[in-house]
């Protein structure tokens, strides 16, 4: 149960950071840095946010620091992330989900 709660909170934190950084990247960073540099900059910030969030969630929810416990927390988070990303992409970009892979 701890891994479930921890995975949910980890997902929410990382998704919120991505939700904030996405528009900043598209509206500001791409015009100032270029598309590739903006994406790489966002990726570095997201990696740092994921590490900080994972460490905080593991401490906060007292998740055992074993591979099965932390992997299950991460799998729960990614299992929530994929449908959320598809839903946001389909809703915000006004693309049908079948065109998602071709849009990039």
C-alpha atoms as a PDB file:
ATOM      1  CA  UNK A   1       0.000   0.000   0.000  1.00  0.00           C
ATOM      2  CA  UNK A   2       2.916   2.335   0.693  1.00  0.00           C
ATOM      3  CA  UNK A   3       4.248   1.826  -2.809  1.00  0.00           C
ATOM      4  CA  UNK A   4       0.828   2.632  -4.269  1.00  0.00           C
ATOM      5  CA  UNK A   5       0.546   5.916  -2.382  1.00  0.00           C
ATOM      6  CA  UNK A   6       4.171   6.769  -3.067  1.00  0.00           C
ATOM      7  CA  UNK A   7       3.771   6.016  -6.777  1.00  0.00           C
ATOM      8  CA  UNK A   8       0.680   8.204  -6.969  1.00  0.00           C
ATOM      9  CA  UNK A   9       2.378  11.145  -5.263  1.00  0.00           C
ATOM     10  CA  UNK A  10       5.523  10.686  -7.354  1.00  0.00           C
ATOM     11  CA  UNK A  11       3.417  10.715 -10.521  1.00  0.00           C
ATOM     12  CA  UNK A  12       1.548  13.845  -9.434  1.00  0.00           C
ATOM     13  CA  UNK A  13       4.738  15.715  -8.608  1.00  0.00           C
ATOM     14  CA  UNK A  14       6.569  14.833 -11.824  1.00  0.00           C
ATOM     15  CA  UNK A  15       3.477  15.406 -13.966  1.00  0.00           C
ATOM     16  CA  UNK A  16       2.972  18.836 -12.369  1.00  0.00           C
ATOM     17  CA  UNK A  17       6.581  19.817 -13.065  1.00  0.00           C
ATOM     18  CA  UNK A  18       6.211  18.719 -16.687  1.00  0.00           C
ATOM     19  CA  UNK A  19       2.905  20.555 -16.934  1.00  0.00           C
ATOM     20  CA  UNK A  20       4.650  23.758 -15.843  1.00  0.00           C
ATOM     21  CA  UNK A  21       7.801  23.320 -17.935  1.00  0.00           C
ATOM     22  CA  UNK A  22       6.047  22.371 -21.200  1.00  0.00           C
ATOM     23  CA  UNK A  23       4.481  25.770 -21.865  1.00  0.00           C
ATOM     24  CA  UNK A  24       7.632  27.562 -20.706  1.00  0.00           C
ATOM     25  CA  UNK A  25       9.637  25.525 -23.200  1.00  0.00           C
ATOM     26  CA  UNK A  26       7.234  26.108 -26.071  1.00  0.00           C
ATOM     27  CA  UNK A  27       6.420  29.774 -25.421  1.00  0.00           C
ATOM     28  CA  UNK A  28       9.792  31.092 -24.286  1.00  0.00           C
ATOM     29  CA  UNK A  29      12.725  28.699 -24.538  1.00  0.00           C
ATOM     30  CA  UNK A  30      12.195  27.585 -28.142  1.00  0.00           C
ATOM     31  CA  UNK A  31      12.298  31.154 -29.419  1.00  0.00           C
ATOM     32  CA  UNK A  32      15.371  32.029 -27.334  1.00  0.00           C
ATOM     33  CA  UNK A  33      17.372  28.802 -27.446  1.00  0.00           C
ATOM     34  CA  UNK A  34      16.048  26.838 -30.396  1.00  0.00           C
ATOM     35  CA  UNK A  35      13.954  23.674 -30.282  1.00  0.00           C
ATOM     36  CA  UNK A  36      16.730  21.175 -29.521  1.00  0.00           C
ATOM     37  CA  UNK A  37      18.397  23.240 -26.802  1.00  0.00           C
ATOM     38  CA  UNK A  38      15.006  23.955 -25.226  1.00  0.00           C
ATOM     39  CA  UNK A  39      14.122  20.260 -25.149  1.00  0.00           C
ATOM     40  CA  UNK A  40      17.511  19.315 -23.710  1.00  0.00           C
ATOM     41  CA  UNK A  41      17.238  22.023 -21.056  1.00  0.00           C
ATOM     42  CA  UNK A  42      13.795  20.789 -20.077  1.00  0.00           C
ATOM     43  CA  UNK A  43      15.049  17.199 -19.963  1.00  0.00           C
ATOM     44  CA  UNK A  44      17.812  18.133 -17.511  1.00  0.00           C
ATOM     45  CA  UNK A  45      15.353  19.980 -15.268  1.00  0.00           C
ATOM     46  CA  UNK A  46      12.902  17.070 -15.446  1.00  0.00           C
ATOM     47  CA  UNK A  47      15.652  14.587 -14.527  1.00  0.00           C
ATOM     48  CA  UNK A  48      16.579  16.664 -11.497  1.00  0.00           C
ATOM     49  CA  UNK A  49      12.900  16.967 -10.523  1.00  0.00           C
ATOM     50  CA  UNK A  50      12.425  13.195 -10.843  1.00  0.00           C
ATOM     51  CA  UNK A  51      15.438  12.467  -8.638  1.00  0.00           C
ATOM     52  CA  UNK A  52      14.390  14.992  -5.997  1.00  0.00           C
ATOM     53  CA  UNK A  53      10.784  13.780  -6.058  1.00  0.00           C
ATOM     54  CA  UNK A  54      11.761  10.113  -5.824  1.00  0.00           C
ATOM     55  CA  UNK A  55      14.042  10.728  -2.862  1.00  0.00           C
ATOM     56  CA  UNK A  56      11.422  12.835  -1.079  1.00  0.00           C
ATOM     57  CA  UNK A  57       8.588  10.382  -1.715  1.00  0.00           C
ATOM     58  CA  UNK A  58      10.662   7.415  -0.542  1.00  0.00           C
ATOM     59  CA  UNK A  59      11.459   9.238   2.710  1.00  0.00           C
ATOM     60  CA  UNK A  60       7.974  10.687   3.206  1.00  0.00           C
ATOM     61  CA  UNK A  61       6.105   7.416   2.681  1.00  0.00           C
ATOM     62  CA  UNK A  62       8.774   5.259   4.300  1.00  0.00           C
ATOM     63  CA  UNK A  63       9.160   3.079   1.226  1.00  0.00           C
ATOM     64  CA  UNK A  64      11.808   0.424   1.849  1.00  0.00           C
ATOM     65  CA  UNK A  65      15.006   1.124  -0.065  1.00  0.00           C
ATOM     66  CA  UNK A  66      14.907  -2.202  -1.815  1.00  0.00           C
ATOM     67  CA  UNK A  67      14.763  -2.760  -5.534  1.00  0.00           C
ATOM     68  CA  UNK A  68      11.290  -4.387  -5.583  1.00  0.00           C
ATOM     69  CA  UNK A  69       9.738  -1.605  -3.488  1.00  0.00           C
ATOM     70  CA  UNK A  70      11.239   1.270  -5.446  1.00  0.00           C
ATOM     71  CA  UNK A  71      10.636  -0.396  -8.814  1.00  0.00           C
ATOM     72  CA  UNK A  72       6.973  -0.951  -7.928  1.00  0.00           C
ATOM     73  CA  UNK A  73       6.657   2.717  -6.951  1.00  0.00           C
ATOM     74  CA  UNK A  74       8.176   3.757 -10.279  1.00  0.00           C
ATOM     75  CA  UNK A  75       6.022   1.346 -12.273  1.00  0.00           C
ATOM     76  CA  UNK A  76       2.888   2.659 -10.603  1.00  0.00           C
ATOM     77  CA  UNK A  77       3.939   6.215 -11.449  1.00  0.00           C
ATOM     78  CA  UNK A  78       4.715   5.397 -15.074  1.00  0.00           C
ATOM     79  CA  UNK A  79       1.508   3.381 -15.339  1.00  0.00           C
ATOM     80  CA  UNK A  80      -0.379   6.535 -14.367  1.00  0.00           C
ATOM     81  CA  UNK A  81       1.795   8.798 -16.495  1.00  0.00           C
ATOM     82  CA  UNK A  82       1.194   7.136 -19.874  1.00  0.00           C
ATOM     83  CA  UNK A  83      -2.622   7.459 -19.862  1.00  0.00           C
ATOM     84  CA  UNK A  84      -2.370  10.973 -18.425  1.00  0.00           C
ATOM     85  CA  UNK A  85       0.026  12.068 -21.175  1.00  0.00           C
ATOM     86  CA  UNK A  86      -2.223  10.584 -23.861  1.00  0.00           C
ATOM     87  CA  UNK A  87      -5.283  12.272 -22.363  1.00  0.00           C
ATOM     88  CA  UNK A  88      -3.580  15.668 -22.149  1.00  0.00           C
ATOM     89  CA  UNK A  89      -2.096  15.361 -25.620  1.00  0.00           C
ATOM     90  CA  UNK A  90      -5.433  14.359 -27.116  1.00  0.00           C
ATOM     91  CA  UNK A  91      -7.317  17.087 -25.279  1.00  0.00           C
ATOM     92  CA  UNK A  92      -4.914  20.013 -25.555  1.00  0.00           C
ATOM     93  CA  UNK A  93      -3.548  19.440 -29.019  1.00  0.00           C
ATOM     94  CA  UNK A  94      -6.948  18.553 -30.473  1.00  0.00           C
ATOM     95  CA  UNK A  95      -5.408  15.512 -32.169  1.00  0.00           C
ATOM     96  CA  UNK A  96      -7.145  12.179 -32.232  1.00  0.00           C
ATOM     97  CA  UNK A  97      -5.103   9.730 -30.162  1.00  0.00           C
ATOM     98  CA  UNK A  98      -4.456   7.543 -33.236  1.00  0.00           C
ATOM     99  CA  UNK A  99      -2.399  10.409 -34.700  1.00  0.00           C
ATOM    100  CA  UNK A 100      -0.298  10.888 -31.582  1.00  0.00           C
ATOM    101  CA  UNK A 101       2.693   8.942 -32.833  1.00  0.00           C
ATOM    102  CA  UNK A 102       2.672  10.665 -36.212  1.00  0.00           C
ATOM    103  CA  UNK A 103       2.373  14.194 -34.782  1.00  0.00           C
ATOM    104  CA  UNK A 104       5.974  14.478 -33.667  1.00  0.00           C
END
